[in-house]
Amino acid sequence: MGCGGRSRWRLGNVLIGAAGLLVAGFIMHRIKLRSGEADLVSSNHWPEPLVAGPVANDRGPVLILIDYHVEKPNRTTFLHALIDMSSERRRDGAYGWGVTEDSADPEKITEWFMVESWAEHLRQHKRVSNADADLQSKVLALHSGPEKPVVRHLLSINTPGRAT
């Protein structure tokens, strides 16, 4: 096959590929995706954080602590549910996440995560999907005690002599 034959062969393949893409585009345009559950709709799952006064939106980082009481028989199931929730926390902006237990009472478990700023954390409150709320409900179902888990929001303080 000469040089000209090879060029025509390449051109033919490109034209066939382009025609295939054009046909596929028309077909895909006609096919409608099924409507699924409104899985990503905001759920209003989290209450607004309690604050003593106005907080500057750019203030941060913010450390969020959630204190749970988990009875010993539920501990493994609870920790697996928390690990599932860690992906959701990171996807929503957390750059650090972990779980600790109280050295005096192993049934007191604290989930912690950090976000860049107060504004970022407020956005997390607004973008909890129904699927994420279901995940959090599984975790809450394993919490025992008369009260809901205690949630604390700790804001970074710029101390004197520390660069901002």
C-alpha atoms as a PDB file:
ATOM      1  CA  MET A   1       0.000   0.000   0.000  1.00  0.00           C
ATOM      2  CA  GLY A   2       1.497   3.306  -1.036  1.00  0.00           C
ATOM      3  CA  CYS A   3       1.580   6.540   0.872  1.00  0.00           C
ATOM      4  CA  GLY A   4      -1.632   7.769  -0.751  1.00  0.00           C
ATOM      5  CA  GLY A   5      -3.484   4.532   0.086  1.00  0.00           C
ATOM      6  CA  ARG A   6      -2.552   4.786   3.708  1.00  0.00           C
ATOM      7  CA  SER A   7      -3.846   8.388   3.876  1.00  0.00           C
ATOM      8  CA  ARG A   8      -7.176   7.393   2.321  1.00  0.00           C
ATOM      9  CA  TRP A   9      -7.466   4.483   4.775  1.00  0.00           C
ATOM     10  CA  ARG A  10      -6.879   6.852   7.746  1.00  0.00           C
ATOM     11  CA  LEU A  11      -9.287   9.415   6.330  1.00  0.00           C
ATOM     12  CA  GLY A  12     -11.902   6.683   5.827  1.00  0.00           C
ATOM     13  CA  ASN A  13     -11.513   5.544   9.427  1.00  0.00           C
ATOM     14  CA  VAL A  14     -11.813   9.100  10.707  1.00  0.00           C
ATOM     15  CA  LEU A  15     -14.962   9.665   8.620  1.00  0.00           C
ATOM     16  CA  ILE A  16     -16.499   6.393   9.821  1.00  0.00           C
ATOM     17  CA  GLY A  17     -15.708   7.348  13.438  1.00  0.00           C
ATOM     18  CA  ALA A  18     -17.175  10.831  12.953  1.00  0.00           C
ATOM     19  CA  ALA A  19     -20.339   9.395  11.395  1.00  0.00           C
ATOM     20  CA  GLY A  20     -20.652   6.929  14.287  1.00  0.00           C
ATOM     21  CA  LEU A  21     -20.336   9.760  16.821  1.00  0.00           C
ATOM     22  CA  LEU A  22     -22.954  11.788  14.961  1.00  0.00           C
ATOM     23  CA  VAL A  23     -25.406   8.867  14.933  1.00  0.00           C
ATOM     24  CA  ALA A  24     -24.695   8.121  18.605  1.00  0.00           C
ATOM     25  CA  GLY A  25     -25.298  11.792  19.453  1.00  0.00           C
ATOM     26  CA  PHE A  26     -28.717  11.765  17.798  1.00  0.00           C
ATOM     27  CA  ILE A  27     -29.667   8.512  19.514  1.00  0.00           C
ATOM     28  CA  MET A  28     -28.524   9.713  22.929  1.00  0.00           C
ATOM     29  CA  HIS A  29     -30.406  12.960  22.465  1.00  0.00           C
ATOM     30  CA  ARG A  30     -33.626  10.977  21.961  1.00  0.00           C
ATOM     31  CA  ILE A  31     -33.105   8.674  24.951  1.00  0.00           C
ATOM     32  CA  LYS A  32     -34.350  10.187  28.191  1.00  0.00           C
ATOM     33  CA  LEU A  33     -32.858   9.189  31.511  1.00  0.00           C
ATOM     34  CA  ARG A  34     -35.266   7.725  34.017  1.00  0.00           C
ATOM     35  CA  SER A  35     -36.204   9.940  36.900  1.00  0.00           C
ATOM     36  CA  GLY A  36     -34.716   8.487  40.042  1.00  0.00           C
ATOM     37  CA  GLU A  37     -35.362   9.328  43.632  1.00  0.00           C
ATOM     38  CA  ALA A  38     -34.666  12.934  44.586  1.00  0.00           C
ATOM     39  CA  ASP A  39     -31.579  11.639  46.367  1.00  0.00           C
ATOM     40  CA  LEU A  40     -29.566  14.831  46.276  1.00  0.00           C
ATOM     41  CA  VAL A  41     -32.267  17.167  47.508  1.00  0.00           C
ATOM     42  CA  SER A  42     -31.292  19.109  50.604  1.00  0.00           C
ATOM     43  CA  SER A  43     -32.717  17.498  53.728  1.00  0.00           C
ATOM     44  CA  ASN A  44     -32.569  20.208  56.447  1.00  0.00           C
ATOM     45  CA  HIS A  45     -31.114  17.445  58.601  1.00  0.00           C
ATOM     46  CA  TRP A  46     -28.747  19.510  60.752  1.00  0.00           C
ATOM     47  CA  PRO A  47     -29.928  22.311  63.013  1.00  0.00           C
ATOM     48  CA  GLU A  48     -28.103  25.615  62.804  1.00  0.00           C
ATOM     49  CA  PRO A  49     -25.012  25.748  65.037  1.00  0.00           C
ATOM     50  CA  LEU A  50     -25.344  27.576  68.349  1.00  0.00           C
ATOM     51  CA  VAL A  51     -23.187  30.701  68.563  1.00  0.00           C
ATOM     52  CA  ALA A  52     -22.607  33.239  71.338  1.00  0.00           C
ATOM     53  CA  GLY A  53     -22.408  36.081  68.832  1.00  0.00           C
ATOM     54  CA  PRO A  54     -21.749  36.771  65.154  1.00  0.00           C
ATOM     55  CA  VAL A  55     -18.913  34.728  63.632  1.00  0.00           C
ATOM     56  CA  ALA A  56     -16.902  36.060  60.695  1.00  0.00           C
ATOM     57  CA  ASN A  57     -17.485  33.755  57.728  1.00  0.00           C
ATOM     58  CA  ASP A  58     -13.787  33.501  56.907  1.00  0.00           C
ATOM     59  CA  ARG A  59     -12.863  32.516  60.460  1.00  0.00           C
ATOM     60  CA  GLY A  60     -11.269  29.130  60.691  1.00  0.00           C
ATOM     61  CA  PRO A  61     -10.296  26.459  60.733  1.00  0.00           C
ATOM     62  CA  VAL A  62     -13.299  25.008  62.555  1.00  0.00           C
ATOM     63  CA  LEU A  63     -13.135  21.786  64.558  1.00  0.00           C
ATOM     64  CA  ILE A  64     -16.488  20.020  64.909  1.00  0.00           C
ATOM     65  CA  LEU A  65     -16.834  17.503  67.763  1.00  0.00           C
ATOM     66  CA  ILE A  66     -19.823  15.180  68.078  1.00  0.00           C
ATOM     67  CA  ASP A  67     -20.034  13.256  71.346  1.00  0.00           C
ATOM     68  CA  TYR A  68     -21.944   9.959  71.224  1.00  0.00           C
ATOM     69  CA  HIS A  69     -22.725   7.406  73.906  1.00  0.00           C
ATOM     70  CA  VAL A  70     -22.540   3.923  72.411  1.00  0.00           C
ATOM     71  CA  GLU A  71     -23.181   0.780  74.403  1.00  0.00           C
ATOM     72  CA  LYS A  72     -20.527  -1.927  74.125  1.00  0.00           C
ATOM     73  CA  PRO A  73     -22.641  -4.421  72.060  1.00  0.00           C
ATOM     74  CA  ASN A  74     -23.264  -1.707  69.400  1.00  0.00           C
ATOM     75  CA  ARG A  75     -19.679  -0.434  69.196  1.00  0.00           C
ATOM     76  CA  THR A  76     -18.509  -2.368  66.099  1.00  0.00           C
ATOM     77  CA  THR A  77     -21.674  -1.592  64.126  1.00  0.00           C
ATOM     78  CA  PHE A  78     -21.437   2.061  65.187  1.00  0.00           C
ATOM     79  CA  LEU A  79     -17.796   2.357  64.105  1.00  0.00           C
ATOM     80  CA  HIS A  80     -18.593   0.817  60.694  1.00  0.00           C
ATOM     81  CA  ALA A  81     -21.427   3.343  60.249  1.00  0.00           C
ATOM     82  CA  LEU A  82     -19.064   6.189  61.213  1.00  0.00           C
ATOM     83  CA  ILE A  83     -16.480   5.018  58.685  1.00  0.00           C
ATOM     84  CA  ASP A  84     -19.203   5.134  56.005  1.00  0.00           C
ATOM     85  CA  MET A  85     -20.014   8.665  57.142  1.00  0.00           C
ATOM     86  CA  SER A  86     -16.362   9.766  56.975  1.00  0.00           C
ATOM     87  CA  SER A  87     -16.553   9.713  53.161  1.00  0.00           C
ATOM     88  CA  GLU A  88     -19.584  11.985  53.291  1.00  0.00           C
ATOM     89  CA  ARG A  89     -17.800  14.375  55.655  1.00  0.00           C
ATOM     90  CA  ARG A  90     -14.740  14.576  53.389  1.00  0.00           C
ATOM     91  CA  ARG A  91     -16.857  14.956  50.258  1.00  0.00           C
ATOM     92  CA  ASP A  92     -18.586  17.909  51.917  1.00  0.00           C
ATOM     93  CA  GLY A  93     -15.342  19.725  52.698  1.00  0.00           C
ATOM     94  CA  ALA A  94     -13.762  18.181  55.793  1.00  0.00           C
ATOM     95  CA  TYR A  95      -9.994  17.871  55.479  1.00  0.00           C
ATOM     96  CA  GLY A  96      -9.492  15.931  58.659  1.00  0.00           C
ATOM     97  CA  TRP A  97     -11.678  13.291  60.256  1.00  0.00           C
ATOM     98  CA  GLY A  98     -11.284  10.895  63.164  1.00  0.00           C
ATOM     99  CA  VAL A  99     -12.855   9.007  66.033  1.00  0.00           C
ATOM    100  CA  THR A 100     -11.716   8.968  69.671  1.00  0.00           C
ATOM    101  CA  GLU A 101     -12.921   7.363  72.864  1.00  0.00           C
ATOM    102  CA  ASP A 102     -12.877   8.673  76.413  1.00  0.00           C
ATOM    103  CA  SER A 103     -10.092   6.933  78.358  1.00  0.00           C
ATOM    104  CA  ALA A 104     -12.295   6.848  81.479  1.00  0.00           C
ATOM    105  CA  ASP A 105     -15.429   5.638  79.666  1.00  0.00           C
ATOM    106  CA  PRO A 106     -15.017   3.725  76.356  1.00  0.00           C
ATOM    107  CA  GLU A 107     -18.766   4.115  75.681  1.00  0.00           C
ATOM    108  CA  LYS A 108     -18.199   7.857  75.145  1.00  0.00           C
ATOM    109  CA  ILE A 109     -17.072   8.184  71.527  1.00  0.00           C
ATOM    110  CA  THR A 110     -16.254  11.469  69.826  1.00  0.00           C
ATOM    111  CA  GLU A 111     -16.299  11.957  66.066  1.00  0.00           C
ATOM    112  CA  TRP A 112     -14.258  14.963  64.979  1.00  0.00           C
ATOM    113  CA  PHE A 113     -13.653  16.680  61.667  1.00  0.00           C
ATOM    114  CA  MET A 114     -12.169  19.964  60.508  1.00  0.00           C
ATOM    115  CA  VAL A 115     -13.223  22.412  57.817  1.00  0.00           C
ATOM    116  CA  GLU A 116     -11.438  25.477  56.441  1.00  0.00           C
ATOM    117  CA  SER A 117     -13.842  28.175  57.612  1.00  0.00           C
ATOM    118  CA  TRP A 118     -17.094  28.949  59.368  1.00  0.00           C
ATOM    119  CA  ALA A 119     -18.738  29.720  56.021  1.00  0.00           C
ATOM    120  CA  GLU A 120     -17.687  26.307  54.705  1.00  0.00           C
ATOM    121  CA  HIS A 121     -19.244  24.599  57.710  1.00  0.00           C
ATOM    122  CA  LEU A 122     -22.492  26.536  57.284  1.00  0.00           C
ATOM    123  CA  ARG A 123     -22.550  25.362  53.658  1.00  0.00           C
ATOM    124  CA  GLN A 124     -22.205  21.776  54.945  1.00  0.00           C
ATOM    125  CA  HIS A 125     -25.422  22.289  56.893  1.00  0.00           C
ATOM    126  CA  LYS A 126     -27.229  23.301  53.718  1.00  0.00           C
ATOM    127  CA  ARG A 127     -25.964  20.496  51.458  1.00  0.00           C
ATOM    128  CA  VAL A 128     -26.823  17.386  53.453  1.00  0.00           C
ATOM    129  CA  SER A 129     -28.587  15.179  50.907  1.00  0.00           C
ATOM    130  CA  ASN A 130     -31.330  12.749  51.852  1.00  0.00           C
ATOM    131  CA  ALA A 131     -28.861   9.887  51.306  1.00  0.00           C
ATOM    132  CA  ASP A 132     -26.392  11.555  53.699  1.00  0.00           C
ATOM    133  CA  ALA A 133     -29.196  12.125  56.216  1.00  0.00           C
ATOM    134  CA  ASP A 134     -30.021   8.399  56.032  1.00  0.00           C
ATOM    135  CA  LEU A 135     -26.365   7.598  56.790  1.00  0.00           C
ATOM    136  CA  GLN A 136     -26.422   9.943  59.758  1.00  0.00           C
ATOM    137  CA  SER A 137     -29.693   8.428  60.973  1.00  0.00           C
ATOM    138  CA  LYS A 138     -28.013   4.998  61.090  1.00  0.00           C
ATOM    139  CA  VAL A 139     -25.280   6.463  63.282  1.00  0.00           C
ATOM    140  CA  LEU A 140     -27.798   8.252  65.524  1.00  0.00           C
ATOM    141  CA  ALA A 141     -29.833   5.066  65.939  1.00  0.00           C
ATOM    142  CA  LEU A 142     -26.823   3.489  67.669  1.00  0.00           C
ATOM    143  CA  HIS A 143     -26.425   6.402  70.097  1.00  0.00           C
ATOM    144  CA  SER A 144     -27.931   5.604  73.491  1.00  0.00           C
ATOM    145  CA  GLY A 145     -29.061   7.907  76.228  1.00  0.00           C
ATOM    146  CA  PRO A 146     -31.913  10.326  76.807  1.00  0.00           C
ATOM    147  CA  GLU A 147     -30.228  13.256  75.038  1.00  0.00           C
ATOM    148  CA  LYS A 148     -29.107  13.689  71.445  1.00  0.00           C
ATOM    149  CA  PRO A 149     -25.360  13.623  70.767  1.00  0.00           C
ATOM    150  CA  VAL A 150     -23.617  16.807  71.874  1.00  0.00           C
ATOM    151  CA  VAL A 151     -22.215  18.832  68.963  1.00  0.00           C
ATOM    152  CA  ARG A 152     -19.522  21.425  69.598  1.00  0.00           C
ATOM    153  CA  HIS A 153     -17.988  23.884  67.141  1.00  0.00           C
ATOM    154  CA  LEU A 154     -14.501  25.054  68.052  1.00  0.00           C
ATOM    155  CA  LEU A 155     -13.114  28.095  66.247  1.00  0.00           C
ATOM    156  CA  SER A 156      -9.424  28.801  65.859  1.00  0.00           C
ATOM    157  CA  ILE A 157      -8.135  31.751  67.889  1.00  0.00           C
ATOM    158  CA  ASN A 158      -5.409  34.003  66.576  1.00  0.00           C
ATOM    159  CA  THR A 159      -3.242  34.370  69.656  1.00  0.00           C
ATOM    160  CA  PRO A 160      -0.984  37.421  70.205  1.00  0.00           C
ATOM    161  CA  GLY A 161       2.304  37.052  68.374  1.00  0.00           C
ATOM    162  CA  ARG A 162       0.939  34.389  66.045  1.00  0.00           C
ATOM    163  CA  ALA A 163       0.871  35.131  62.336  1.00  0.00           C
ATOM    164  CA  THR A 164      -2.597  35.116  60.795  1.00  0.00           C
END
